[in-house]
Protein backbone atom coordinates (compact mmCIF):
# COMPACT_ATOMS: atom_id res chain seq x y z
CA MET A 1 -3.80 -11.18 -19.42
CA SER A 2 -1.77 -13.10 -16.83
CA GLN A 3 -3.16 -15.81 -14.59
CA VAL A 4 -2.30 -16.25 -10.91
CA GLY A 5 -4.21 -19.12 -9.40
CA ASN A 6 -7.88 -18.40 -10.07
CA LEU A 7 -7.22 -14.68 -10.62
CA THR A 8 -6.92 -13.25 -14.13
CA LEU A 9 -4.87 -10.09 -13.74
CA ASP A 10 -6.03 -6.96 -15.52
CA PRO A 11 -2.82 -5.36 -16.88
CA ASN A 12 -4.41 -1.93 -16.75
CA THR A 13 -4.72 -1.96 -12.95
CA PRO A 14 -2.06 -2.85 -10.36
CA PHE A 15 -2.64 -5.92 -8.23
CA PHE A 16 -1.95 -5.93 -4.49
CA ILE A 17 -0.02 -8.49 -2.46
CA LEU A 18 -1.19 -8.05 1.13
CA GLY A 19 -0.77 -9.92 4.37
CA PRO A 20 1.27 -10.18 7.56
CA CYS A 21 5.01 -10.63 7.53
CA ALA A 22 4.94 -13.99 9.33
CA LEU A 23 2.56 -16.91 9.77
CA GLU A 24 2.34 -16.30 13.51
CA SER A 25 -0.37 -18.95 13.97
CA GLU A 26 -3.03 -20.68 11.91
CA ASP A 27 -5.86 -18.74 13.57
CA PHE A 28 -4.07 -15.44 13.03
CA ALA A 29 -3.47 -16.19 9.35
CA TRP A 30 -7.16 -16.95 8.80
CA GLU A 31 -8.24 -13.80 10.65
CA MET A 32 -5.96 -11.63 8.53
CA ALA A 33 -6.89 -13.35 5.27
CA ARG A 34 -10.63 -13.05 5.90
CA ALA A 35 -10.33 -9.38 6.87
CA LEU A 36 -8.26 -8.57 3.79
CA LYS A 37 -10.63 -10.50 1.50
CA GLU A 38 -13.52 -8.38 2.79
CA ILE A 39 -11.51 -5.22 2.13
CA ALA A 40 -10.57 -6.46 -1.34
CA ASP A 41 -14.22 -7.13 -2.14
CA ARG A 42 -15.24 -3.64 -0.99
CA THR A 43 -12.48 -1.82 -2.86
CA GLY A 44 -12.49 -4.02 -5.96
CA ILE A 45 -8.73 -4.60 -5.91
CA GLN A 46 -6.93 -7.57 -7.39
CA PHE A 47 -5.82 -9.29 -4.19
CA ILE A 48 -3.13 -11.88 -3.47
CA PHE A 49 -2.65 -13.03 0.15
CA LYS A 50 0.89 -13.25 1.54
CA ALA A 51 2.47 -14.63 4.71
CA SER A 52 5.88 -16.23 5.34
CA TYR A 53 6.16 -19.74 6.80
CA ASP A 54 9.83 -19.27 7.71
CA LYS A 55 11.63 -16.01 8.45
CA ALA A 56 14.96 -17.59 7.64
CA ASN A 57 17.12 -14.45 7.68
CA ARG A 58 16.16 -12.93 11.03
CA THR A 59 18.76 -10.72 12.68
CA SER A 60 18.90 -12.77 15.90
CA VAL A 61 19.00 -16.54 16.39
CA ASP A 62 16.37 -16.06 19.11
CA SER A 63 13.80 -14.46 16.78
CA PHE A 64 10.55 -16.14 15.74
CA ARG A 65 10.73 -17.97 12.40
CA GLY A 66 7.44 -19.75 11.71
CA PRO A 67 5.78 -23.15 11.29
CA GLY A 68 8.00 -24.37 8.46
CA VAL A 69 7.41 -25.14 4.79
CA LYS A 70 5.02 -28.11 4.98
CA GLU A 71 2.73 -26.81 7.70
CA GLY A 72 2.91 -23.22 6.46
CA CYS A 73 2.06 -24.10 2.87
CA ARG A 74 -0.79 -26.32 4.05
CA ILE A 75 -2.28 -23.39 5.94
CA LEU A 76 -1.83 -20.99 3.02
CA GLY A 77 -3.22 -23.49 0.54
CA GLU A 78 -6.36 -24.03 2.61
CA ILE A 79 -6.83 -20.28 2.99
CA GLY A 80 -6.47 -19.77 -0.75
CA ARG A 81 -8.90 -22.52 -1.68
CA ASP A 82 -11.51 -21.60 0.94
CA LEU A 83 -11.48 -17.84 0.26
CA GLY A 84 -10.88 -18.14 -3.48
CA VAL A 85 -7.77 -15.94 -3.49
CA PRO A 86 -4.24 -16.63 -4.78
CA VAL A 87 -1.53 -17.00 -2.14
CA THR A 88 2.20 -16.35 -2.11
CA THR A 89 5.11 -16.95 0.26
CA ASP A 90 8.93 -16.93 0.36
CA ILE A 91 10.86 -20.07 -0.49
CA HIS A 92 14.53 -20.53 0.41
CA THR A 93 15.81 -23.76 -1.16
CA PRO A 94 15.15 -25.77 -4.35
CA ALA A 95 13.48 -28.47 -2.25
CA GLU A 96 11.12 -25.91 -0.70
CA ALA A 97 10.12 -24.69 -4.16
CA GLU A 98 8.83 -28.15 -5.06
CA ILE A 99 6.97 -28.53 -1.76
CA ALA A 100 5.43 -25.04 -1.92
CA ALA A 101 4.26 -25.43 -5.52
CA GLU A 102 1.62 -27.91 -4.37
CA ASN A 103 -0.30 -25.14 -2.56
CA ILE A 104 1.22 -21.77 -3.49
CA ASP A 105 0.25 -19.71 -6.54
CA ILE A 106 3.30 -17.40 -6.75
CA LEU A 107 6.72 -18.48 -5.47
CA GLN A 108 8.65 -15.58 -3.98
CA VAL A 109 12.46 -15.52 -3.97
CA PRO A 110 13.92 -13.44 -1.10
CA ALA A 111 16.19 -10.51 -1.94
CA PHE A 112 19.32 -12.07 -0.42
CA LEU A 113 18.79 -15.15 -2.64
CA CYS A 114 17.83 -13.38 -5.86
CA ARG A 115 20.89 -14.56 -7.83
CA GLN A 116 20.89 -18.19 -6.62
CA THR A 117 20.78 -20.05 -9.93
CA ASP A 118 19.64 -23.41 -8.51
CA LEU A 119 16.80 -21.71 -6.65
CA LEU A 120 15.64 -19.82 -9.74
CA GLU A 121 15.77 -23.00 -11.79
CA ALA A 122 13.77 -24.93 -9.20
CA CYS A 123 11.11 -22.21 -9.14
CA ALA A 124 10.91 -22.17 -12.93
CA ASN A 125 10.60 -25.96 -13.05
CA THR A 126 7.40 -25.84 -10.97
CA GLY A 127 5.61 -23.97 -13.75
CA LYS A 128 4.30 -21.45 -11.23
CA PRO A 129 4.69 -17.67 -11.53
CA VAL A 130 7.83 -16.43 -9.77
CA ASN A 131 8.38 -13.15 -7.94
CA VAL A 132 12.04 -12.28 -7.36
CA LYS A 133 12.86 -9.61 -4.80
CA LYS A 134 15.65 -7.38 -6.15
CA GLY A 135 18.64 -7.58 -3.81
CA GLN A 136 19.41 -4.51 -1.74
CA PHE A 137 22.89 -4.68 -3.26
CA LEU A 138 21.78 -4.46 -6.90
CA ALA A 139 21.29 -1.57 -9.29
CA PRO A 140 18.14 -1.77 -11.44
CA TRP A 141 20.05 -2.91 -14.52
CA ASP A 142 21.67 -5.70 -12.49
CA VAL A 143 18.40 -7.64 -12.64
CA GLU A 144 18.97 -8.32 -16.34
CA PRO A 145 21.04 -11.49 -15.67
CA ILE A 146 18.34 -12.68 -13.26
CA VAL A 147 15.75 -12.19 -15.97
CA GLY A 148 18.08 -14.03 -18.35
CA LYS A 149 18.26 -17.02 -16.00
CA LEU A 150 14.50 -17.21 -15.63
CA LYS A 151 14.01 -17.08 -19.38
CA HIS A 152 16.74 -19.69 -19.87
CA PHE A 153 14.84 -22.01 -17.51
CA ASN A 154 11.62 -21.39 -19.47
CA CYS A 155 9.86 -19.46 -16.73
CA GLU A 156 6.90 -17.97 -18.58
CA GLN A 157 5.58 -15.59 -15.90
CA PHE A 158 7.81 -13.71 -13.50
CA TYR A 159 8.07 -10.41 -11.65
CA ILE A 160 10.90 -8.37 -10.18
CA THR A 161 10.15 -6.58 -6.91
CA GLU A 162 11.85 -3.36 -5.91
CA ARG A 163 12.38 -3.24 -2.14
CA GLY A 164 14.96 -0.51 -1.61
CA THR A 165 18.72 -0.32 -1.91
CA THR A 166 21.32 -0.34 0.86
CA PHE A 167 22.19 3.24 1.76
CA GLY A 168 24.74 3.60 4.50
CA TYR A 169 24.42 1.94 7.87
CA ASN A 170 21.02 0.42 8.86
CA ASN A 171 19.12 2.22 6.14
CA LEU A 172 17.59 1.78 2.70
CA VAL A 173 16.59 4.21 -0.01
CA THR A 174 14.18 3.70 -2.90
CA ASP A 175 14.95 5.26 -6.25
CA MET A 176 11.66 5.52 -8.12
CA ARG A 177 13.60 5.74 -11.37
CA SER A 178 14.36 2.03 -10.98
CA LEU A 179 10.68 1.20 -11.45
CA HIS A 180 10.65 2.92 -14.83
CA TRP A 181 14.01 1.50 -15.91
CA MET A 182 13.08 -2.09 -15.08
CA ARG A 183 9.68 -1.82 -16.77
CA ASP A 184 11.44 -0.26 -19.75
CA MET A 185 13.43 -3.52 -19.97
CA GLY A 186 10.13 -5.31 -20.51
CA VAL A 187 9.98 -6.65 -16.95
CA LYS A 188 6.81 -6.76 -14.87
CA VAL A 189 7.59 -4.83 -11.69
CA ILE A 190 6.16 -4.96 -8.18
CA PHE A 191 6.93 -2.33 -5.56
CA ASP A 192 7.41 -3.55 -1.98
CA ALA A 193 6.39 -0.55 0.09
CA THR A 194 6.91 -1.99 3.56
CA HIS A 195 10.33 -3.60 3.17
CA SER A 196 11.56 -0.46 1.41
CA VAL A 197 11.18 1.44 4.69
CA GLN A 198 13.14 -1.08 6.77
CA ARG A 199 16.11 -0.11 8.88
CA PRO A 200 17.99 -3.46 8.77
CA GLY A 201 19.36 -4.29 12.20
CA GLY A 202 18.30 -0.81 13.26
CA LEU A 203 17.07 -1.95 16.67
CA GLY A 204 20.18 -3.94 17.47
CA GLY A 205 18.83 -7.48 17.69
CA THR A 206 15.92 -6.78 15.33
CA THR A 207 15.13 -4.75 12.24
CA GLY A 208 13.53 -1.34 12.66
CA GLY A 209 11.62 0.72 10.15
CA ASP A 210 9.52 3.73 9.26
CA GLY A 211 6.11 2.17 8.67
CA GLU A 212 4.37 5.53 8.37
CA LEU A 213 6.36 6.12 5.17
CA ALA A 214 5.23 2.91 3.45
CA PRO A 215 1.98 4.43 2.10
CA VAL A 216 3.92 7.51 0.98
CA LEU A 217 6.34 5.46 -1.11
CA ALA A 218 3.47 3.33 -2.42
CA ARG A 219 1.76 6.45 -3.72
CA ALA A 220 4.92 7.51 -5.54
CA ALA A 221 5.38 4.02 -7.02
CA VAL A 222 1.81 3.83 -8.30
CA ALA A 223 2.15 7.27 -9.87
CA THR A 224 5.42 6.19 -11.50
CA GLY A 225 3.82 3.02 -12.82
CA VAL A 226 4.04 -0.54 -11.49
CA ASP A 227 2.31 -3.83 -12.19
CA GLY A 228 1.75 -4.63 -8.53
CA VAL A 229 2.18 -3.32 -5.00
CA PHE A 230 3.36 -5.42 -2.02
CA MET A 231 2.38 -4.21 1.44
CA GLU A 232 2.59 -6.10 4.70
CA THR A 233 -0.20 -5.37 7.17
CA HIS A 234 -0.97 -6.50 10.70
CA SER A 235 -3.89 -6.10 13.07
CA ASN A 236 -1.47 -4.91 15.77
CA PRO A 237 1.99 -4.08 14.36
CA GLU A 238 3.38 -3.32 17.82
CA LYS A 239 2.87 -6.97 18.77
CA ALA A 240 3.93 -8.50 15.43
CA PHE A 241 6.40 -11.38 15.66
CA SER A 242 8.42 -9.98 12.74
CA ASP A 243 8.88 -6.60 11.02
CA GLY A 244 6.33 -4.82 13.18
CA PRO A 245 7.83 -1.34 12.64
CA ASN A 246 7.34 -1.61 8.87
CA GLN A 247 3.82 -3.03 8.67
CA ILE A 248 0.74 -0.93 7.97
CA PRO A 249 -2.03 -1.30 10.59
CA LEU A 250 -4.92 -3.36 9.24
CA SER A 251 -7.29 -0.60 10.35
CA GLU A 252 -5.61 1.79 7.88
CA ILE A 253 -5.06 -0.46 4.86
CA GLU A 254 -8.44 0.12 3.20
CA ALA A 255 -7.96 3.88 3.11
CA VAL A 256 -4.43 3.36 1.73
CA LEU A 257 -5.78 1.14 -1.06
CA ILE A 258 -8.54 3.57 -2.01
CA ARG A 259 -6.02 6.39 -2.32
CA LEU A 260 -3.64 4.24 -4.38
CA LEU A 261 -6.42 3.31 -6.80
CA ALA A 262 -7.33 6.98 -7.17
CA ILE A 263 -3.71 7.91 -7.87
CA HIS A 264 -3.42 5.12 -10.44
CA HIS A 265 -6.50 6.30 -12.31
CA ALA A 266 -5.41 9.94 -12.17
CA ALA A 267 -1.87 9.19 -13.36
CA HIS A 268 -2.54 6.56 -16.00
CA THR A 269 -6.00 7.19 -17.45
CA PRO A 270 -5.72 8.91 -20.87
């Protein structure tokens, strides 16, 4: 059994990292977290709440970023403690890792930073679980040196997240074989359904995406076998401050989760 905050993860059932792409406001974060907690209670899923305090790699300099590390982690920490759910967010520098660790249960390393040794070391030094997004430029076996760094820095609990691989201009493709290959290496693997359907820079000044395909890829990933599933969701994706085209409408997420649980039981129950 692995522990994330106050949640003891059952290794026989995938956990779900759910939440909006960005911390658009404190009120919005609470609304989303409360709604998702109610859905988690009804469906019985293992739930971790996610939102980003700084969208540091936006396509345009004019794009919304967020409240910043201190304010964002305060908000997430209060949500986690009040609702009794673990929380996670992206960190971008070694200094941010130390600040975030005071309130955050899983530190997430963005895909573009997945090989930054100082950042991995800083995350490991917090003693918190670490989730590293696999870079869009890496083959599945290229995560082995990343795993080696985390082990070298005595990180006891970590995950690698598949989020698609660069495939031509403004497009990504997900090879479900990578999920099996990485797990076969002894790595705990999360599948990021919503970022895997991004079209980076596909709208010119912003990233586009095929959000309707996120549940489709999630179904394939769960059938293949994963330890967790990451899905961004929003009450109104068309008005989201970041990654709207990729996010699953909040009104649909419960049905998606019920189907994923059914697929997991059908595919992995002896």
